[in-house]
Amino acid sequence: MPEYCFFKKGNHITALEKTDTAGAFALTNKGYEKQFEELNAADVKRALARFIDIRKEEQTTTHSFVTGAVFASLLVGVVAVAYWLFIK
């Protein structure tokens, strides 16, 4: 299976085989930024689908950490208020 690298410009993402240096150079000149991820896939369509899945998973993980921290902070606040109201 070929290895693909990804380029992004705005919301547009394209994949190229890692060996396609001429295509990578052309995309870079057009303003695309090379992404960190490189994946093995059977074809371009599957490589893009895996890349999008990885990005969605990263966003979900980030969202989970943020909402978990907010929930923990609110819970500590509620417990502190309850302690102050009922124990004192």
PDB file of N, CA and C in Angstrom:
ATOM      1  N   MET A   1       0.842  -1.182   0.000  1.00  0.00           N
ATOM      2  CA  MET A   1       0.000   0.000   0.000  1.00  0.00           C
ATOM      3  C   MET A   1       0.887   1.246   0.000  1.00  0.00           C
ATOM      4  N   PRO A   2       0.511   2.210  -0.797  1.00  0.00           N
ATOM      5  CA  PRO A   2       1.295   3.449  -0.839  1.00  0.00           C
ATOM      6  C   PRO A   2       1.073   4.292   0.420  1.00  0.00           C
ATOM      7  N   GLU A   3       2.042   5.112   0.701  1.00  0.00           N
ATOM      8  CA  GLU A   3       1.958   6.033   1.837  1.00  0.00           C
ATOM      9  C   GLU A   3       1.560   7.405   1.306  1.00  0.00           C
ATOM     10  N   TYR A   4       0.580   8.017   1.963  1.00  0.00           N
ATOM     11  CA  TYR A   4       0.049   9.302   1.526  1.00  0.00           C
ATOM     12  C   TYR A   4       0.386  10.385   2.538  1.00  0.00           C
ATOM     13  N   CYS A   5       0.630  11.588   2.038  1.00  0.00           N
ATOM     14  CA  CYS A   5       0.772  12.772   2.885  1.00  0.00           C
ATOM     15  C   CYS A   5      -0.357  13.724   2.503  1.00  0.00           C
ATOM     16  N   PHE A   6      -0.661  14.642   3.395  1.00  0.00           N
ATOM     17  CA  PHE A   6      -1.841  15.491   3.243  1.00  0.00           C
ATOM     18  C   PHE A   6      -1.459  16.956   3.240  1.00  0.00           C
ATOM     19  N   PHE A   7      -2.213  17.704   2.462  1.00  0.00           N
ATOM     20  CA  PHE A   7      -2.013  19.145   2.346  1.00  0.00           C
ATOM     21  C   PHE A   7      -3.348  19.821   2.570  1.00  0.00           C
ATOM     22  N   LYS A   8      -3.321  20.948   3.295  1.00  0.00           N
ATOM     23  CA  LYS A   8      -4.558  21.641   3.647  1.00  0.00           C
ATOM     24  C   LYS A   8      -4.433  23.119   3.328  1.00  0.00           C
ATOM     25  N   LYS A   9      -5.500  23.656   2.750  1.00  0.00           N
ATOM     26  CA  LYS A   9      -5.622  25.090   2.501  1.00  0.00           C
ATOM     27  C   LYS A   9      -7.057  25.461   2.822  1.00  0.00           C
ATOM     28  N   GLY A  10      -7.242  26.199   3.912  1.00  0.00           N
ATOM     29  CA  GLY A  10      -8.601  26.513   4.356  1.00  0.00           C
ATOM     30  C   GLY A  10      -9.306  25.244   4.777  1.00  0.00           C
ATOM     31  N   ASN A  11     -10.449  24.967   4.165  1.00  0.00           N
ATOM     32  CA  ASN A  11     -11.187  23.745   4.459  1.00  0.00           C
ATOM     33  C   ASN A  11     -10.908  22.638   3.450  1.00  0.00           C
ATOM     34  N   HIS A  12     -10.096  22.913   2.454  1.00  0.00           N
ATOM     35  CA  HIS A  12      -9.814  21.933   1.407  1.00  0.00           C
ATOM     36  C   HIS A  12      -8.595  21.095   1.783  1.00  0.00           C
ATOM     37  N   ILE A  13      -8.766  19.777   1.735  1.00  0.00           N
ATOM     38  CA  ILE A  13      -7.683  18.848   2.051  1.00  0.00           C
ATOM     39  C   ILE A  13      -7.459  17.962   0.845  1.00  0.00           C
ATOM     40  N   THR A  14      -6.209  17.757   0.489  1.00  0.00           N
ATOM     41  CA  THR A  14      -5.877  16.861  -0.606  1.00  0.00           C
ATOM     42  C   THR A  14      -4.773  15.914  -0.160  1.00  0.00           C
ATOM     43  N   ALA A  15      -4.738  14.748  -0.770  1.00  0.00           N
ATOM     44  CA  ALA A  15      -3.741  13.733  -0.432  1.00  0.00           C
ATOM     45  C   ALA A  15      -2.896  13.438  -1.662  1.00  0.00           C
ATOM     46  N   LEU A  16      -1.622  13.227  -1.420  1.00  0.00           N
ATOM     47  CA  LEU A  16      -0.685  12.845  -2.474  1.00  0.00           C
ATOM     48  C   LEU A  16       0.153  11.685  -1.978  1.00  0.00           C
ATOM     49  N   GLU A  17       0.600  10.862  -2.920  1.00  0.00           N
ATOM     50  CA  GLU A  17       1.550   9.835  -2.530  1.00  0.00           C
ATOM     51  C   GLU A  17       2.820  10.515  -2.052  1.00  0.00           C
ATOM     52  N   LYS A  18       3.429   9.943  -1.051  1.00  0.00           N
ATOM     53  CA  LYS A  18       4.606  10.563  -0.450  1.00  0.00           C
ATOM     54  C   LYS A  18       5.735  10.726  -1.466  1.00  0.00           C
ATOM     55  N   THR A  19       5.775   9.880  -2.485  1.00  0.00           N
ATOM     56  CA  THR A  19       6.839   9.940  -3.483  1.00  0.00           C
ATOM     57  C   THR A  19       6.608  11.021  -4.527  1.00  0.00           C
ATOM     58  N   ASP A  20       5.443  11.643  -4.548  1.00  0.00           N
ATOM     59  CA  ASP A  20       5.110  12.670  -5.548  1.00  0.00           C
ATOM     60  C   ASP A  20       5.647  14.036  -5.088  1.00  0.00           C
ATOM     61  N   THR A  21       6.942  14.232  -5.257  1.00  0.00           N
ATOM     62  CA  THR A  21       7.560  15.483  -4.805  1.00  0.00           C
ATOM     63  C   THR A  21       7.167  16.670  -5.679  1.00  0.00           C
ATOM     64  N   ALA A  22       6.952  16.421  -6.972  1.00  0.00           N
ATOM     65  CA  ALA A  22       6.548  17.513  -7.864  1.00  0.00           C
ATOM     66  C   ALA A  22       5.153  18.025  -7.485  1.00  0.00           C
ATOM     67  N   GLY A  23       4.241  17.115  -7.190  1.00  0.00           N
ATOM     68  CA  GLY A  23       2.897  17.508  -6.766  1.00  0.00           C
ATOM     69  C   GLY A  23       2.920  18.233  -5.435  1.00  0.00           C
ATOM     70  N   ALA A  24       3.770  17.773  -4.521  1.00  0.00           N
ATOM     71  CA  ALA A  24       3.886  18.425  -3.218  1.00  0.00           C
ATOM     72  C   ALA A  24       4.429  19.837  -3.376  1.00  0.00           C
ATOM     73  N   PHE A  25       5.404  19.996  -4.244  1.00  0.00           N
ATOM     74  CA  PHE A  25       5.980  21.320  -4.502  1.00  0.00           C
ATOM     75  C   PHE A  25       4.928  22.257  -5.100  1.00  0.00           C
ATOM     76  N   ALA A  26       4.136  21.735  -6.053  1.00  0.00           N
ATOM     77  CA  ALA A  26       3.099  22.551  -6.693  1.00  0.00           C
ATOM     78  C   ALA A  26       2.034  22.990  -5.675  1.00  0.00           C
ATOM     79  N   LEU A  27       1.616  22.069  -4.804  1.00  0.00           N
ATOM     80  CA  LEU A  27       0.608  22.423  -3.804  1.00  0.00           C
ATOM     81  C   LEU A  27       1.153  23.436  -2.800  1.00  0.00           C
ATOM     82  N   THR A  28       2.402  23.281  -2.414  1.00  0.00           N
ATOM     83  CA  THR A  28       3.016  24.230  -1.489  1.00  0.00           C
ATOM     84  C   THR A  28       3.080  25.620  -2.109  1.00  0.00           C
ATOM     85  N   ASN A  29       3.384  25.687  -3.396  1.00  0.00           N
ATOM     86  CA  ASN A  29       3.416  26.977  -4.084  1.00  0.00           C
ATOM     87  C   ASN A  29       2.032  27.605  -4.202  1.00  0.00           C
ATOM     88  N   LYS A  30       0.989  26.791  -4.200  1.00  0.00           N
ATOM     89  CA  LYS A  30      -0.380  27.304  -4.270  1.00  0.00           C
ATOM     90  C   LYS A  30      -0.908  27.728  -2.902  1.00  0.00           C
ATOM     91  N   GLY A  31      -0.102  27.559  -1.854  1.00  0.00           N
ATOM     92  CA  GLY A  31      -0.523  28.002  -0.529  1.00  0.00           C
ATOM     93  C   GLY A  31      -0.998  26.896   0.393  1.00  0.00           C
ATOM     94  N   TYR A  32      -0.896  25.660  -0.021  1.00  0.00           N
ATOM     95  CA  TYR A  32      -1.286  24.544   0.829  1.00  0.00           C
ATOM     96  C   TYR A  32      -0.206  24.311   1.879  1.00  0.00           C
ATOM     97  N   GLU A  33      -0.640  23.875   3.060  1.00  0.00           N
ATOM     98  CA  GLU A  33       0.291  23.548   4.132  1.00  0.00           C
ATOM     99  C   GLU A  33       0.336  22.039   4.305  1.00  0.00           C
ATOM    100  N   LYS A  34       1.530  21.495   4.374  1.00  0.00           N
ATOM    101  CA  LYS A  34       1.686  20.056   4.570  1.00  0.00           C
ATOM    102  C   LYS A  34       1.309  19.720   6.011  1.00  0.00           C
ATOM    103  N   GLN A  35       0.504  18.689   6.175  1.00  0.00           N
ATOM    104  CA  GLN A  35       0.069  18.246   7.490  1.00  0.00           C
ATOM    105  C   GLN A  35       1.036  17.204   8.031  1.00  0.00           C
ATOM    106  N   PHE A  36       1.019  17.028   9.316  1.00  0.00           N
ATOM    107  CA  PHE A  36       1.946  16.126   9.995  1.00  0.00           C
ATOM    108  C   PHE A  36       1.664  14.652   9.671  1.00  0.00           C
ATOM    109  N   GLU A  37       0.403  14.299   9.531  1.00  0.00           N
ATOM    110  CA  GLU A  37       0.007  12.906   9.377  1.00  0.00           C
ATOM    111  C   GLU A  37       0.445  12.332   8.028  1.00  0.00           C
ATOM    112  N   GLU A  38       0.885  11.099   8.049  1.00  0.00           N
ATOM    113  CA  GLU A  38       1.164  10.312   6.849  1.00  0.00           C
ATOM    114  C   GLU A  38       0.565   8.943   7.081  1.00  0.00           C
ATOM    115  N   LEU A  39      -0.223   8.456   6.103  1.00  0.00           N
ATOM    116  CA  LEU A  39      -0.953   7.210   6.282  1.00  0.00           C
ATOM    117  C   LEU A  39      -0.734   6.260   5.116  1.00  0.00           C
ATOM    118  N   ASN A  40      -0.808   4.973   5.405  1.00  0.00           N
ATOM    119  CA  ASN A  40      -0.826   3.957   4.365  1.00  0.00           C
ATOM    120  C   ASN A  40      -2.274   3.626   4.055  1.00  0.00           C
ATOM    121  N   ALA A  41      -2.618   3.586   2.784  1.00  0.00           N
ATOM    122  CA  ALA A  41      -3.990   3.265   2.376  1.00  0.00           C
ATOM    123  C   ALA A  41      -3.967   2.685   0.972  1.00  0.00           C
ATOM    124  N   ALA A  42      -5.052   2.020   0.605  1.00  0.00           N
ATOM    125  CA  ALA A  42      -5.139   1.396  -0.710  1.00  0.00           C
ATOM    126  C   ALA A  42      -5.245   2.428  -1.828  1.00  0.00           C
ATOM    127  N   ASP A  43      -5.951   3.533  -1.565  1.00  0.00           N
ATOM    128  CA  ASP A  43      -6.089   4.582  -2.580  1.00  0.00           C
ATOM    129  C   ASP A  43      -6.306   5.934  -1.902  1.00  0.00           C
ATOM    130  N   VAL A  44      -6.384   6.974  -2.716  1.00  0.00           N
ATOM    131  CA  VAL A  44      -6.506   8.341  -2.201  1.00  0.00           C
ATOM    132  C   VAL A  44      -7.792   8.530  -1.414  1.00  0.00           C
ATOM    133  N   LYS A  45      -8.876   7.968  -1.915  1.00  0.00           N
ATOM    134  CA  LYS A  45     -10.174   8.136  -1.263  1.00  0.00           C
ATOM    135  C   LYS A  45     -10.149   7.558   0.155  1.00  0.00           C
ATOM    136  N   ARG A  46      -9.567   6.392   0.311  1.00  0.00           N
ATOM    137  CA  ARG A  46      -9.487   5.777   1.643  1.00  0.00           C
ATOM    138  C   ARG A  46      -8.514   6.528   2.546  1.00  0.00           C
ATOM    139  N   ALA A  47      -7.448   7.050   1.972  1.00  0.00           N
ATOM    140  CA  ALA A  47      -6.494   7.832   2.758  1.00  0.00           C
ATOM    141  C   ALA A  47      -7.168   9.086   3.312  1.00  0.00           C
ATOM    142  N   LEU A  48      -7.934   9.779   2.476  1.00  0.00           N
ATOM    143  CA  LEU A  48      -8.647  10.982   2.937  1.00  0.00           C
ATOM    144  C   LEU A  48      -9.681  10.642   3.999  1.00  0.00           C
ATOM    145  N   ALA A  49     -10.381   9.518   3.837  1.00  0.00           N
ATOM    146  CA  ALA A  49     -11.380   9.112   4.820  1.00  0.00           C
ATOM    147  C   ALA A  49     -10.724   8.819   6.169  1.00  0.00           C
ATOM    148  N   ARG A  50      -9.591   8.151   6.159  1.00  0.00           N
ATOM    149  CA  ARG A  50      -8.871   7.868   7.414  1.00  0.00           C
ATOM    150  C   ARG A  50      -8.358   9.155   8.046  1.00  0.00           C
ATOM    151  N   PHE A  51      -7.853  10.065   7.229  1.00  0.00           N
ATOM    152  CA  PHE A  51      -7.353  11.339   7.738  1.00  0.00           C
ATOM    153  C   PHE A  51      -8.467  12.118   8.415  1.00  0.00           C
ATOM    154  N   ILE A  52      -9.629  12.184   7.787  1.00  0.00           N
ATOM    155  CA  ILE A  52     -10.772  12.900   8.360  1.00  0.00           C
ATOM    156  C   ILE A  52     -11.225  12.240   9.657  1.00  0.00           C
ATOM    157  N   ASP A  53     -11.226  10.903   9.699  1.00  0.00           N
ATOM    158  CA  ASP A  53     -11.581  10.205  10.931  1.00  0.00           C
ATOM    159  C   ASP A  53     -10.605  10.524  12.056  1.00  0.00           C
ATOM    160  N   ILE A  54      -9.329  10.577  11.743  1.00  0.00           N
ATOM    161  CA  ILE A  54      -8.321  10.899  12.755  1.00  0.00           C
ATOM    162  C   ILE A  54      -8.542  12.312  13.282  1.00  0.00           C
ATOM    163  N   ARG A  55      -8.808  13.255  12.398  1.00  0.00           N
ATOM    164  CA  ARG A  55      -9.038  14.641  12.831  1.00  0.00           C
ATOM    165  C   ARG A  55     -10.293  14.753  13.692  1.00  0.00           C
ATOM    166  N   LYS A  56     -11.366  14.037  13.324  1.00  0.00           N
ATOM    167  CA  LYS A  56     -12.592  14.071  14.128  1.00  0.00           C
ATOM    168  C   LYS A  56     -12.334  13.492  15.513  1.00  0.00           C
ATOM    169  N   GLU A  57     -11.550  12.419  15.580  1.00  0.00           N
ATOM    170  CA  GLU A  57     -11.224  11.810  16.864  1.00  0.00           C
ATOM    171  C   GLU A  57     -10.416  12.767  17.737  1.00  0.00           C
ATOM    172  N   GLU A  58      -9.493  13.505  17.132  1.00  0.00           N
ATOM    173  CA  GLU A  58      -8.716  14.501  17.881  1.00  0.00           C
ATOM    174  C   GLU A  58      -9.625  15.587  18.446  1.00  0.00           C
ATOM    175  N   GLN A  59     -10.582  16.047  17.641  1.00  0.00           N
ATOM    176  CA  GLN A  59     -11.510  17.080  18.105  1.00  0.00           C
ATOM    177  C   GLN A  59     -12.394  16.550  19.225  1.00  0.00           C
ATOM    178  N   THR A  60     -12.837  15.298  19.106  1.00  0.00           N
ATOM    179  CA  THR A  60     -13.677  14.689  20.139  1.00  0.00           C
ATOM    180  C   THR A  60     -12.905  14.560  21.441  1.00  0.00           C
ATOM    181  N   THR A  61     -11.656  14.142  21.346  1.00  0.00           N
ATOM    182  CA  THR A  61     -10.823  14.000  22.537  1.00  0.00           C
ATOM    183  C   THR A  61     -10.606  15.347  23.210  1.00  0.00           C
ATOM    184  N   THR A  62     -10.297  16.360  22.435  1.00  0.00           N
ATOM    185  CA  THR A  62     -10.104  17.701  22.985  1.00  0.00           C
ATOM    186  C   THR A  62     -11.373  18.191  23.659  1.00  0.00           C
ATOM    187  N   HIS A  63     -12.498  17.998  23.003  1.00  0.00           N
ATOM    188  CA  HIS A  63     -13.787  18.420  23.560  1.00  0.00           C
ATOM    189  C   HIS A  63     -14.061  17.686  24.866  1.00  0.00           C
ATOM    190  N   SER A  64     -13.754  16.397  24.923  1.00  0.00           N
ATOM    191  CA  SER A  64     -13.988  15.617  26.140  1.00  0.00           C
ATOM    192  C   SER A  64     -13.150  16.125  27.299  1.00  0.00           C
ATOM    193  N   PHE A  65     -11.890  16.430  27.035  1.00  0.00           N
ATOM    194  CA  PHE A  65     -11.040  16.955  28.106  1.00  0.00           C
ATOM    195  C   PHE A  65     -11.544  18.296  28.614  1.00  0.00           C
ATOM    196  N   VAL A  66     -11.957  19.161  27.705  1.00  0.00           N
ATOM    197  CA  VAL A  66     -12.427  20.487  28.105  1.00  0.00           C
ATOM    198  C   VAL A  66     -13.713  20.377  28.909  1.00  0.00           C
ATOM    199  N   THR A  67     -14.671  19.602  28.418  1.00  0.00           N
ATOM    200  CA  THR A  67     -15.941  19.483  29.143  1.00  0.00           C
ATOM    201  C   THR A  67     -15.756  18.750  30.458  1.00  0.00           C
ATOM    202  N   GLY A  68     -14.823  17.808  30.515  1.00  0.00           N
ATOM    203  CA  GLY A  68     -14.543  17.116  31.775  1.00  0.00           C
ATOM    204  C   GLY A  68     -13.994  18.063  32.823  1.00  0.00           C
ATOM    205  N   ALA A  69     -13.109  18.954  32.422  1.00  0.00           N
ATOM    206  CA  ALA A  69     -12.540  19.927  33.351  1.00  0.00           C
ATOM    207  C   ALA A  69     -13.609  20.893  33.843  1.00  0.00           C
ATOM    208  N   VAL A  70     -14.481  21.331  32.951  1.00  0.00           N
ATOM    209  CA  VAL A  70     -15.566  22.248  33.342  1.00  0.00           C
ATOM    210  C   VAL A  70     -16.507  21.546  34.312  1.00  0.00           C
ATOM    211  N   PHE A  71     -16.852  20.296  34.021  1.00  0.00           N
ATOM    212  CA  PHE A  71     -17.742  19.540  34.912  1.00  0.00           C
ATOM    213  C   PHE A  71     -17.111  19.367  36.289  1.00  0.00           C
ATOM    214  N   ALA A  72     -15.836  19.034  36.327  1.00  0.00           N
ATOM    215  CA  ALA A  72     -15.155  18.845  37.610  1.00  0.00           C
ATOM    216  C   ALA A  72     -15.133  20.151  38.402  1.00  0.00           C
ATOM    217  N   SER A  73     -14.877  21.264  37.737  1.00  0.00           N
ATOM    218  CA  SER A  73     -14.868  22.556  38.414  1.00  0.00           C
ATOM    219  C   SER A  73     -16.243  22.889  38.987  1.00  0.00           C
ATOM    220  N   LEU A  74     -17.282  22.657  38.202  1.00  0.00           N
ATOM    221  CA  LEU A  74     -18.643  22.924  38.698  1.00  0.00           C
ATOM    222  C   LEU A  74     -18.997  22.011  39.859  1.00  0.00           C
ATOM    223  N   LEU A  75     -18.596  20.763  39.790  1.00  0.00           N
ATOM    224  CA  LEU A  75     -18.882  19.817  40.861  1.00  0.00           C
ATOM    225  C   LEU A  75     -18.187  20.236  42.155  1.00  0.00           C
ATOM    226  N   VAL A  76     -16.948  20.665  42.061  1.00  0.00           N
ATOM    227  CA  VAL A  76     -16.228  21.139  43.242  1.00  0.00           C
ATOM    228  C   VAL A  76     -16.929  22.367  43.822  1.00  0.00           C
ATOM    229  N   GLY A  77     -17.398  23.256  42.964  1.00  0.00           N
ATOM    230  CA  GLY A  77     -18.122  24.437  43.426  1.00  0.00           C
ATOM    231  C   GLY A  77     -19.411  24.075  44.141  1.00  0.00           C
ATOM    232  N   VAL A  78     -20.158  23.139  43.590  1.00  0.00           N
ATOM    233  CA  VAL A  78     -21.419  22.714  44.215  1.00  0.00           C
ATOM    234  C   VAL A  78     -21.151  22.041  45.555  1.00  0.00           C
ATOM    235  N   VAL A  79     -20.145  21.217  45.614  1.00  0.00           N
ATOM    236  CA  VAL A  79     -19.800  20.543  46.870  1.00  0.00           C
ATOM    237  C   VAL A  79     -19.368  21.576  47.910  1.00  0.00           C
ATOM    238  N   ALA A  80     -18.602  22.574  47.499  1.00  0.00           N
ATOM    239  CA  ALA A  80     -18.162  23.604  48.441  1.00  0.00           C
ATOM    240  C   ALA A  80     -19.348  24.393  48.977  1.00  0.00           C
ATOM    241  N   VAL A  81     -20.290  24.749  48.120  1.00  0.00           N
ATOM    242  CA  VAL A  81     -21.483  25.482  48.560  1.00  0.00           C
ATOM    243  C   VAL A  81     -22.322  24.613  49.482  1.00  0.00           C
ATOM    244  N   ALA A  82     -22.491  23.330  49.118  1.00  0.00           N
ATOM    245  CA  ALA A  82     -23.266  22.425  49.965  1.00  0.00           C
ATOM    246  C   ALA A  82     -22.605  22.269  51.332  1.00  0.00           C
ATOM    247  N   TYR A  83     -21.297  22.143  51.351  1.00  0.00           N
ATOM    248  CA  TYR A  83     -20.571  22.037  52.624  1.00  0.00           C
ATOM    249  C   TYR A  83     -20.782  23.298  53.452  1.00  0.00           C
ATOM    250  N   TRP A  84     -20.681  24.444  52.836  1.00  0.00           N
ATOM    251  CA  TRP A  84     -20.825  25.706  53.544  1.00  0.00           C
ATOM    252  C   TRP A  84     -22.246  25.858  54.093  1.00  0.00           C
ATOM    253  N   LEU A  85     -23.250  25.457  53.321  1.00  0.00           N
ATOM    254  CA  LEU A  85     -24.647  25.607  53.743  1.00  0.00           C
ATOM    255  C   LEU A  85     -25.031  24.616  54.832  1.00  0.00           C
ATOM    256  N   PHE A  86     -24.633  23.361  54.715  1.00  0.00           N
ATOM    257  CA  PHE A  86     -25.144  22.330  55.599  1.00  0.00           C
ATOM    258  C   PHE A  86     -24.232  22.025  56.786  1.00  0.00           C
ATOM    259  N   ILE A  87     -22.980  22.223  56.680  1.00  0.00           N
ATOM    260  CA  ILE A  87     -22.068  21.894  57.757  1.00  0.00           C
ATOM    261  C   ILE A  87     -21.938  23.054  58.736  1.00  0.00           C
ATOM    262  N   LYS A  88     -21.934  24.255  58.273  1.00  0.00           N
ATOM    263  CA  LYS A  88     -21.772  25.416  59.163  1.00  0.00           C
ATOM    264  C   LYS A  88     -23.027  25.703  59.849  1.00  0.00           C
TER     265      LYS A  88
END
